[in-house]
Amino acid sequence: MFLMRFGLLTLLLAWPAFAGGPLVVLDPGHGGTQEGASGPEGIFEKNLALSIAKKLKALLEKELHATVVLTRDRDALVHLSERVVLANKKRPELFISIHANSMPTAQQRKLNQGIETYFLSAAASGEEAKKVAARENAEAGTQPKGQSGDTLSFILADLQRSETHVDSSRLAYAVHEALISETGAQDRGVQQAPFFVLMGLEAPAVLVEVGFVSHPEEGRHLSETEYQSKLARAITAGVKQFLAQLEARDGVKP
């Protein structure tokens, strides 16, 4: 099996199923000039997401013998549409986008903490979910011309692939339950929202908000290497559970 370099990313050719474990695409949110959320500990969402993604990549490779592709492997700008195109070219068994949350006012920063896990829906499951999606989708306005497409068409096409959508729900619950169990963080639930980076994907896909960098205590935890490793271990456990569910349903390993 040969490795090929394309620009910023190390893209792995898709292995046949018998050659090893699943192929997983990990998407560290933001990057480059798109810093994402920031917290009082001086941590930026883009750096946190990349750090967790690299730890998660190592665990998935070790424990599941997975082939793992990162949509970015350094601090660089990769447009949302390019992340989707990359993922679909690789034809992964699953896609996980990693992000962190934030609140705008001092009072909200003191109060809001916890983990949320999302899968795609045409409508947000609540007002807060709508705001999170709006913030994470903000950089879609910087997409190269002609690549953003029709947002509603993307979502409807995804929802028509009912099995993929149901599997996205299964993946979201498996990952979320493992995260809450492992970290003891506040459970903000599994939710649905129209995230651009989940639109048009041809594999089970979720977006994880691993916590609030803006919260004084949780932001400090998120900046700690050991807590980031704990998050990576939890997501790995969730992926294992999801793959086990697929194997039990389909009778074959994904």
C-alpha atoms as a PDB file:
ATOM      1  CA  MET A   1       0.000   0.000   0.000  1.00  0.00           C
ATOM      2  CA  PHE A   2       1.495   3.288  -1.095  1.00  0.00           C
ATOM      3  CA  LEU A   3       1.200   6.620   0.652  1.00  0.00           C
ATOM      4  CA  MET A   4       0.690   9.790  -1.372  1.00  0.00           C
ATOM      5  CA  ARG A   5       1.048  13.429  -0.306  1.00  0.00           C
ATOM      6  CA  PHE A   6      -1.505  16.018  -1.397  1.00  0.00           C
ATOM      7  CA  GLY A   7      -0.833  19.590  -0.239  1.00  0.00           C
ATOM      8  CA  LEU A   8      -1.383  20.005   3.476  1.00  0.00           C
ATOM      9  CA  LEU A   9      -2.700  16.538   4.118  1.00  0.00           C
ATOM     10  CA  THR A  10      -1.429  13.001   4.196  1.00  0.00           C
ATOM     11  CA  LEU A  11      -4.149  11.199   2.287  1.00  0.00           C
ATOM     12  CA  LEU A  12      -4.270   7.439   2.699  1.00  0.00           C
ATOM     13  CA  LEU A  13      -5.537   5.288  -0.145  1.00  0.00           C
ATOM     14  CA  ALA A  14      -8.624   3.347   0.900  1.00  0.00           C
ATOM     15  CA  TRP A  15      -7.675  -0.173   1.975  1.00  0.00           C
ATOM     16  CA  PRO A  16      -9.943  -3.108   1.193  1.00  0.00           C
ATOM     17  CA  ALA A  17     -11.955  -4.298   4.186  1.00  0.00           C
ATOM     18  CA  PHE A  18      -9.858  -7.424   4.688  1.00  0.00           C
ATOM     19  CA  ALA A  19      -6.601  -5.444   4.970  1.00  0.00           C
ATOM     20  CA  GLY A  20      -7.244  -4.061   8.443  1.00  0.00           C
ATOM     21  CA  GLY A  21      -9.604  -1.970  10.500  1.00  0.00           C
ATOM     22  CA  PRO A  22     -12.066   0.743   9.497  1.00  0.00           C
ATOM     23  CA  LEU A  23     -11.205   3.888   7.588  1.00  0.00           C
ATOM     24  CA  VAL A  24     -12.035   6.952   9.672  1.00  0.00           C
ATOM     25  CA  VAL A  25     -11.916  10.632   8.738  1.00  0.00           C
ATOM     26  CA  LEU A  26     -11.266  13.011  11.648  1.00  0.00           C
ATOM     27  CA  ASP A  27     -12.001  16.683  11.152  1.00  0.00           C
ATOM     28  CA  PRO A  28     -10.274  19.125  13.548  1.00  0.00           C
ATOM     29  CA  GLY A  29     -12.478  22.206  13.385  1.00  0.00           C
ATOM     30  CA  HIS A  30     -11.303  25.592  12.091  1.00  0.00           C
ATOM     31  CA  GLY A  31      -7.590  26.289  11.478  1.00  0.00           C
ATOM     32  CA  GLY A  32      -5.401  29.036  10.066  1.00  0.00           C
ATOM     33  CA  THR A  33      -7.131  32.393  10.178  1.00  0.00           C
ATOM     34  CA  GLN A  34     -10.305  30.704  11.464  1.00  0.00           C
ATOM     35  CA  GLU A  35      -9.415  30.393  15.152  1.00  0.00           C
ATOM     36  CA  GLY A  36     -12.853  29.380  16.428  1.00  0.00           C
ATOM     37  CA  ALA A  37     -13.775  29.862  20.085  1.00  0.00           C
ATOM     38  CA  SER A  38     -11.271  31.088  22.670  1.00  0.00           C
ATOM     39  CA  GLY A  39     -11.058  30.885  26.433  1.00  0.00           C
ATOM     40  CA  PRO A  40      -9.477  32.649  29.424  1.00  0.00           C
ATOM     41  CA  GLU A  41      -6.668  30.083  29.517  1.00  0.00           C
ATOM     42  CA  GLY A  42      -5.447  31.386  26.160  1.00  0.00           C
ATOM     43  CA  ILE A  43      -6.640  28.279  24.338  1.00  0.00           C
ATOM     44  CA  PHE A  44      -8.079  28.483  20.838  1.00  0.00           C
ATOM     45  CA  GLU A  45     -10.618  26.023  19.502  1.00  0.00           C
ATOM     46  CA  LYS A  46      -8.528  25.337  16.391  1.00  0.00           C
ATOM     47  CA  ASN A  47      -5.522  24.210  18.477  1.00  0.00           C
ATOM     48  CA  LEU A  48      -7.596  22.174  20.912  1.00  0.00           C
ATOM     49  CA  ALA A  49      -9.429  20.376  18.107  1.00  0.00           C
ATOM     50  CA  LEU A  50      -6.180  19.472  16.334  1.00  0.00           C
ATOM     51  CA  SER A  51      -4.536  18.250  19.531  1.00  0.00           C
ATOM     52  CA  ILE A  52      -7.473  15.968  20.379  1.00  0.00           C
ATOM     53  CA  ALA A  53      -7.721  14.731  16.780  1.00  0.00           C
ATOM     54  CA  LYS A  54      -4.065  13.682  16.772  1.00  0.00           C
ATOM     55  CA  LYS A  55      -4.472  11.827  20.058  1.00  0.00           C
ATOM     56  CA  LEU A  56      -7.638  10.178  18.765  1.00  0.00           C
ATOM     57  CA  LYS A  57      -5.899   9.185  15.536  1.00  0.00           C
ATOM     58  CA  ALA A  58      -3.147   7.404  17.467  1.00  0.00           C
ATOM     59  CA  LEU A  59      -5.669   5.518  19.621  1.00  0.00           C
ATOM     60  CA  LEU A  60      -7.841   4.441  16.699  1.00  0.00           C
ATOM     61  CA  GLU A  61      -4.791   3.190  14.840  1.00  0.00           C
ATOM     62  CA  LYS A  62      -3.536   1.297  17.877  1.00  0.00           C
ATOM     63  CA  GLU A  63      -6.762  -0.175  19.227  1.00  0.00           C
ATOM     64  CA  LEU A  64      -8.831  -0.653  16.052  1.00  0.00           C
ATOM     65  CA  HIS A  65      -6.016  -0.940  13.487  1.00  0.00           C
ATOM     66  CA  ALA A  66      -7.892   1.838  11.718  1.00  0.00           C
ATOM     67  CA  THR A  67      -6.709   3.844   8.757  1.00  0.00           C
ATOM     68  CA  VAL A  68      -7.216   7.450   9.883  1.00  0.00           C
ATOM     69  CA  VAL A  69      -7.254  10.542   7.671  1.00  0.00           C
ATOM     70  CA  LEU A  70      -7.132  14.073   9.122  1.00  0.00           C
ATOM     71  CA  THR A  71      -8.785  16.852   7.139  1.00  0.00           C
ATOM     72  CA  ARG A  72      -5.916  19.011   8.377  1.00  0.00           C
ATOM     73  CA  ASP A  73      -2.757  17.912  10.164  1.00  0.00           C
ATOM     74  CA  ARG A  74      -1.438  21.370  11.102  1.00  0.00           C
ATOM     75  CA  ASP A  75      -2.640  24.920  11.739  1.00  0.00           C
ATOM     76  CA  ALA A  76      -3.913  25.661   8.249  1.00  0.00           C
ATOM     77  CA  LEU A  77      -7.161  26.865   6.689  1.00  0.00           C
ATOM     78  CA  VAL A  78      -9.187  24.120   4.991  1.00  0.00           C
ATOM     79  CA  HIS A  79     -12.577  25.255   3.725  1.00  0.00           C
ATOM     80  CA  LEU A  80     -15.644  23.387   4.945  1.00  0.00           C
ATOM     81  CA  SER A  81     -16.582  22.216   1.454  1.00  0.00           C
ATOM     82  CA  GLU A  82     -13.057  20.851   0.936  1.00  0.00           C
ATOM     83  CA  ARG A  83     -13.368  18.772   4.107  1.00  0.00           C
ATOM     84  CA  VAL A  84     -16.551  17.149   2.793  1.00  0.00           C
ATOM     85  CA  VAL A  85     -15.006  16.476  -0.622  1.00  0.00           C
ATOM     86  CA  LEU A  86     -11.936  14.929   0.996  1.00  0.00           C
ATOM     87  CA  ALA A  87     -14.040  12.688   3.213  1.00  0.00           C
ATOM     88  CA  ASN A  88     -16.222  11.421   0.369  1.00  0.00           C
ATOM     89  CA  LYS A  89     -13.186  10.670  -1.787  1.00  0.00           C
ATOM     90  CA  LYS A  90     -11.794   8.458   0.950  1.00  0.00           C
ATOM     91  CA  ARG A  91     -15.133   6.600   1.432  1.00  0.00           C
ATOM     92  CA  PRO A  92     -14.730   6.196   5.218  1.00  0.00           C
ATOM     93  CA  GLU A  93     -16.748   4.049   7.586  1.00  0.00           C
ATOM     94  CA  LEU A  94     -17.348   7.145   9.713  1.00  0.00           C
ATOM     95  CA  PHE A  95     -16.570  10.849  10.056  1.00  0.00           C
ATOM     96  CA  ILE A  96     -16.034  12.788  13.301  1.00  0.00           C
ATOM     97  CA  SER A  97     -15.681  16.573  13.456  1.00  0.00           C
ATOM     98  CA  ILE A  98     -14.145  17.945  16.662  1.00  0.00           C
ATOM     99  CA  HIS A  99     -15.019  21.378  18.044  1.00  0.00           C
ATOM    100  CA  ALA A 100     -15.282  23.337  21.297  1.00  0.00           C
ATOM    101  CA  ASN A 101     -18.010  25.625  22.534  1.00  0.00           C
ATOM    102  CA  SER A 102     -18.072  29.182  23.892  1.00  0.00           C
ATOM    103  CA  MET A 103     -20.417  31.808  25.284  1.00  0.00           C
ATOM    104  CA  PRO A 104     -20.315  35.562  24.532  1.00  0.00           C
ATOM    105  CA  THR A 105     -21.111  37.250  27.871  1.00  0.00           C
ATOM    106  CA  ALA A 106     -19.311  37.088  31.226  1.00  0.00           C
ATOM    107  CA  GLN A 107     -22.367  35.670  32.995  1.00  0.00           C
ATOM    108  CA  GLN A 108     -22.934  32.986  30.352  1.00  0.00           C
ATOM    109  CA  ARG A 109     -19.255  32.065  30.459  1.00  0.00           C
ATOM    110  CA  LYS A 110     -19.515  31.339  34.181  1.00  0.00           C
ATOM    111  CA  LEU A 111     -22.622  29.176  33.827  1.00  0.00           C
ATOM    112  CA  ASN A 112     -22.391  27.214  30.592  1.00  0.00           C
ATOM    113  CA  GLN A 113     -20.318  24.059  30.416  1.00  0.00           C
ATOM    114  CA  GLY A 114     -20.640  20.479  29.232  1.00  0.00           C
ATOM    115  CA  ILE A 115     -20.453  18.245  26.166  1.00  0.00           C
ATOM    116  CA  GLU A 116     -22.825  18.149  23.187  1.00  0.00           C
ATOM    117  CA  THR A 117     -22.805  15.713  20.268  1.00  0.00           C
ATOM    118  CA  TYR A 118     -24.591  16.444  17.006  1.00  0.00           C
ATOM    119  CA  PHE A 119     -25.739  14.698  13.870  1.00  0.00           C
ATOM    120  CA  LEU A 120     -27.234  16.321  10.795  1.00  0.00           C
ATOM    121  CA  SER A 121     -30.777  17.625  10.568  1.00  0.00           C
ATOM    122  CA  ALA A 122     -32.522  20.170   8.367  1.00  0.00           C
ATOM    123  CA  ALA A 123     -33.697  21.965  11.511  1.00  0.00           C
ATOM    124  CA  ALA A 124     -31.919  22.455  14.829  1.00  0.00           C
ATOM    125  CA  SER A 125     -33.271  20.529  17.807  1.00  0.00           C
ATOM    126  CA  GLY A 126     -33.438  23.720  19.895  1.00  0.00           C
ATOM    127  CA  GLU A 127     -32.482  27.384  20.031  1.00  0.00           C
ATOM    128  CA  GLU A 128     -29.063  26.674  21.544  1.00  0.00           C
ATOM    129  CA  ALA A 129     -28.326  24.019  18.911  1.00  0.00           C
ATOM    130  CA  LYS A 130     -29.279  26.556  16.255  1.00  0.00           C
ATOM    131  CA  LYS A 131     -26.793  29.071  17.682  1.00  0.00           C
ATOM    132  CA  VAL A 132     -23.993  26.500  17.840  1.00  0.00           C
ATOM    133  CA  ALA A 133     -24.552  25.521  14.211  1.00  0.00           C
ATOM    134  CA  ALA A 134     -24.640  29.176  13.160  1.00  0.00           C
ATOM    135  CA  ARG A 135     -21.313  29.828  14.854  1.00  0.00           C
ATOM    136  CA  GLU A 136     -19.592  26.755  13.432  1.00  0.00           C
ATOM    137  CA  ASN A 137     -21.037  27.458   9.975  1.00  0.00           C
ATOM    138  CA  ALA A 138     -19.905  31.092   9.972  1.00  0.00           C
ATOM    139  CA  GLU A 139     -16.774  30.409   7.960  1.00  0.00           C
ATOM    140  CA  ALA A 140     -18.860  28.846   5.170  1.00  0.00           C
ATOM    141  CA  GLY A 141     -19.194  32.397   3.890  1.00  0.00           C
ATOM    142  CA  THR A 142     -15.518  32.242   2.923  1.00  0.00           C
ATOM    143  CA  GLN A 143     -15.964  29.169   0.684  1.00  0.00           C
ATOM    144  CA  PRO A 144     -14.371  29.310  -2.776  1.00  0.00           C
ATOM    145  CA  LYS A 145     -17.021  30.308  -5.331  1.00  0.00           C
ATOM    146  CA  GLY A 146     -19.051  27.483  -6.772  1.00  0.00           C
ATOM    147  CA  GLN A 147     -18.207  24.993  -4.002  1.00  0.00           C
ATOM    148  CA  SER A 148     -20.796  25.738  -1.336  1.00  0.00           C
ATOM    149  CA  GLY A 149     -23.768  24.422  -3.351  1.00  0.00           C
ATOM    150  CA  ASP A 150     -27.381  24.444  -2.260  1.00  0.00           C
ATOM    151  CA  THR A 151     -27.473  23.936   1.510  1.00  0.00           C
ATOM    152  CA  LEU A 152     -31.015  22.595   1.606  1.00  0.00           C
ATOM    153  CA  SER A 153     -30.313  20.174  -1.242  1.00  0.00           C
ATOM    154  CA  PHE A 154     -27.303  18.833   0.651  1.00  0.00           C
ATOM    155  CA  ILE A 155     -29.369  18.219   3.768  1.00  0.00           C
ATOM    156  CA  LEU A 156     -32.294  16.630   1.960  1.00  0.00           C
ATOM    157  CA  ALA A 157     -29.948  14.325   0.058  1.00  0.00           C
ATOM    158  CA  ASP A 158     -28.433  13.215   3.355  1.00  0.00           C
ATOM    159  CA  LEU A 159     -31.778  12.601   4.982  1.00  0.00           C
ATOM    160  CA  GLN A 160     -32.892  10.540   1.991  1.00  0.00           C
ATOM    161  CA  ARG A 161     -30.004   8.188   2.704  1.00  0.00           C
ATOM    162  CA  SER A 162     -31.997   6.965   5.677  1.00  0.00           C
ATOM    163  CA  GLU A 163     -29.635   4.203   6.739  1.00  0.00           C
ATOM    164  CA  THR A 164     -26.669   6.582   6.850  1.00  0.00           C
ATOM    165  CA  HIS A 165     -28.736   9.075   8.832  1.00  0.00           C
ATOM    166  CA  VAL A 166     -29.834   6.419  11.328  1.00  0.00           C
ATOM    167  CA  ASP A 167     -26.236   5.266  11.678  1.00  0.00           C
ATOM    168  CA  SER A 168     -25.161   8.862  12.319  1.00  0.00           C
ATOM    169  CA  SER A 169     -27.638   8.911  15.192  1.00  0.00           C
ATOM    170  CA  ARG A 170     -26.227   5.625  16.537  1.00  0.00           C
ATOM    171  CA  LEU A 171     -22.680   6.948  16.290  1.00  0.00           C
ATOM    172  CA  ALA A 172     -23.650  10.184  18.049  1.00  0.00           C
ATOM    173  CA  TYR A 173     -25.233   8.379  21.000  1.00  0.00           C
ATOM    174  CA  ALA A 174     -22.386   5.866  21.325  1.00  0.00           C
ATOM    175  CA  VAL A 175     -19.722   8.583  21.326  1.00  0.00           C
ATOM    176  CA  HIS A 176     -21.686  10.929  23.572  1.00  0.00           C
ATOM    177  CA  GLU A 177     -22.444   8.321  26.227  1.00  0.00           C
ATOM    178  CA  ALA A 178     -18.779   7.305  26.348  1.00  0.00           C
ATOM    179  CA  LEU A 179     -17.681  10.953  26.682  1.00  0.00           C
ATOM    180  CA  ILE A 180     -20.019  11.658  29.589  1.00  0.00           C
ATOM    181  CA  SER A 181     -19.120   8.405  31.334  1.00  0.00           C
ATOM    182  CA  GLU A 182     -15.360   8.957  30.958  1.00  0.00           C
ATOM    183  CA  THR A 183     -15.159  12.675  31.773  1.00  0.00           C
ATOM    184  CA  GLY A 184     -18.039  13.243  34.193  1.00  0.00           C
ATOM    185  CA  ALA A 185     -18.755  16.453  32.275  1.00  0.00           C
ATOM    186  CA  GLN A 186     -22.205  18.015  32.253  1.00  0.00           C
ATOM    187  CA  ASP A 187     -24.417  16.146  29.814  1.00  0.00           C
ATOM    188  CA  ARG A 188     -25.896  18.620  27.314  1.00  0.00           C
ATOM    189  CA  GLY A 189     -27.263  15.775  25.215  1.00  0.00           C
ATOM    190  CA  VAL A 190     -27.259  14.467  21.682  1.00  0.00           C
ATOM    191  CA  GLN A 191     -28.767  17.051  19.377  1.00  0.00           C
ATOM    192  CA  GLN A 192     -29.414  17.729  15.710  1.00  0.00           C
ATOM    193  CA  ALA A 193     -28.507  20.777  13.639  1.00  0.00           C
ATOM    194  CA  PRO A 194     -27.681  21.787  10.033  1.00  0.00           C
ATOM    195  CA  PHE A 195     -23.884  21.817  10.253  1.00  0.00           C
ATOM    196  CA  PHE A 196     -22.253  22.581   6.908  1.00  0.00           C
ATOM    197  CA  VAL A 197     -19.386  20.136   7.498  1.00  0.00           C
ATOM    198  CA  LEU A 198     -21.856  17.254   7.929  1.00  0.00           C
ATOM    199  CA  MET A 199     -23.792  18.042   4.735  1.00  0.00           C
ATOM    200  CA  GLY A 200     -23.338  15.747   1.764  1.00  0.00           C
ATOM    201  CA  LEU A 201     -21.236  13.183   3.596  1.00  0.00           C
ATOM    202  CA  GLU A 202     -21.738   9.617   2.419  1.00  0.00           C
ATOM    203  CA  ALA A 203     -20.877   8.010   5.764  1.00  0.00           C
ATOM    204  CA  PRO A 204     -22.197   8.136   9.345  1.00  0.00           C
ATOM    205  CA  ALA A 205     -21.047  11.535  10.593  1.00  0.00           C
ATOM    206  CA  VAL A 206     -21.122  13.453  13.870  1.00  0.00           C
ATOM    207  CA  LEU A 207     -19.832  16.720  15.279  1.00  0.00           C
ATOM    208  CA  VAL A 208     -18.638  16.758  18.900  1.00  0.00           C
ATOM    209  CA  GLU A 209     -18.490  19.918  21.014  1.00  0.00           C
ATOM    210  CA  VAL A 210     -16.040  18.644  23.643  1.00  0.00           C
ATOM    211  CA  GLY A 211     -16.736  21.410  26.156  1.00  0.00           C
ATOM    212  CA  PHE A 212     -16.792  25.160  26.704  1.00  0.00           C
ATOM    213  CA  VAL A 213     -13.395  26.821  26.431  1.00  0.00           C
ATOM    214  CA  SER A 214     -15.066  29.945  27.814  1.00  0.00           C
ATOM    215  CA  HIS A 215     -15.976  28.311  31.165  1.00  0.00           C
ATOM    216  CA  PRO A 216     -13.334  29.037  33.850  1.00  0.00           C
ATOM    217  CA  GLU A 217     -13.003  25.435  35.097  1.00  0.00           C
ATOM    218  CA  GLU A 218     -13.849  23.486  31.955  1.00  0.00           C
ATOM    219  CA  GLY A 219     -11.634  25.729  29.842  1.00  0.00           C
ATOM    220  CA  ARG A 220      -8.734  24.915  32.155  1.00  0.00           C
ATOM    221  CA  HIS A 221      -9.422  21.173  31.839  1.00  0.00           C
ATOM    222  CA  LEU A 222      -9.581  21.411  28.064  1.00  0.00           C
ATOM    223  CA  SER A 223      -6.120  22.974  27.983  1.00  0.00           C
ATOM    224  CA  GLU A 224      -4.661  19.997  29.900  1.00  0.00           C
ATOM    225  CA  THR A 225      -2.983  17.205  27.940  1.00  0.00           C
ATOM    226  CA  GLU A 226      -4.362  14.474  30.210  1.00  0.00           C
ATOM    227  CA  TYR A 227      -7.938  15.695  29.821  1.00  0.00           C
ATOM    228  CA  GLN A 228      -7.520  15.839  26.054  1.00  0.00           C
ATOM    229  CA  SER A 229      -6.276  12.229  26.192  1.00  0.00           C
ATOM    230  CA  LYS A 230      -9.334  11.311  28.260  1.00  0.00           C
ATOM    231  CA  LEU A 231     -11.580  12.803  25.583  1.00  0.00           C
ATOM    232  CA  ALA A 232      -9.737  10.831  22.902  1.00  0.00           C
ATOM    233  CA  ARG A 233     -10.087   7.596  24.890  1.00  0.00           C
ATOM    234  CA  ALA A 234     -13.806   8.198  25.318  1.00  0.00           C
ATOM    235  CA  ILE A 235     -14.399   8.862  21.624  1.00  0.00           C
ATOM    236  CA  THR A 236     -12.436   5.706  20.802  1.00  0.00           C
ATOM    237  CA  ALA A 237     -14.659   3.715  23.158  1.00  0.00           C
ATOM    238  CA  GLY A 238     -17.732   5.191  21.483  1.00  0.00           C
ATOM    239  CA  VAL A 239     -16.443   4.265  18.033  1.00  0.00           C
ATOM    240  CA  LYS A 240     -15.801   0.700  19.236  1.00  0.00           C
ATOM    241  CA  GLN A 241     -19.357   0.490  20.537  1.00  0.00           C
ATOM    242  CA  PHE A 242     -20.764   1.839  17.268  1.00  0.00           C
ATOM    243  CA  LEU A 243     -18.783  -0.602  15.140  1.00  0.00           C
ATOM    244  CA  ALA A 244     -19.876  -3.463  17.377  1.00  0.00           C
ATOM    245  CA  GLN A 245     -23.501  -2.420  16.809  1.00  0.00           C
ATOM    246  CA  LEU A 246     -22.972  -2.441  13.045  1.00  0.00           C
ATOM    247  CA  GLU A 247     -21.310  -5.854  13.174  1.00  0.00           C
ATOM    248  CA  ALA A 248     -24.170  -7.276  15.241  1.00  0.00           C
ATOM    249  CA  ARG A 249     -26.716  -5.835  12.805  1.00  0.00           C
ATOM    250  CA  ASP A 250     -24.993  -6.680   9.528  1.00  0.00           C
ATOM    251  CA  GLY A 251     -23.150  -9.840  10.544  1.00  0.00           C
ATOM    252  CA  VAL A 252     -19.829  -8.575   9.156  1.00  0.00           C
ATOM    253  CA  LYS A 253     -17.140  -6.221  10.366  1.00  0.00           C
ATOM    254  CA  PRO A 254     -17.410  -2.742   8.826  1.00  0.00           C
END
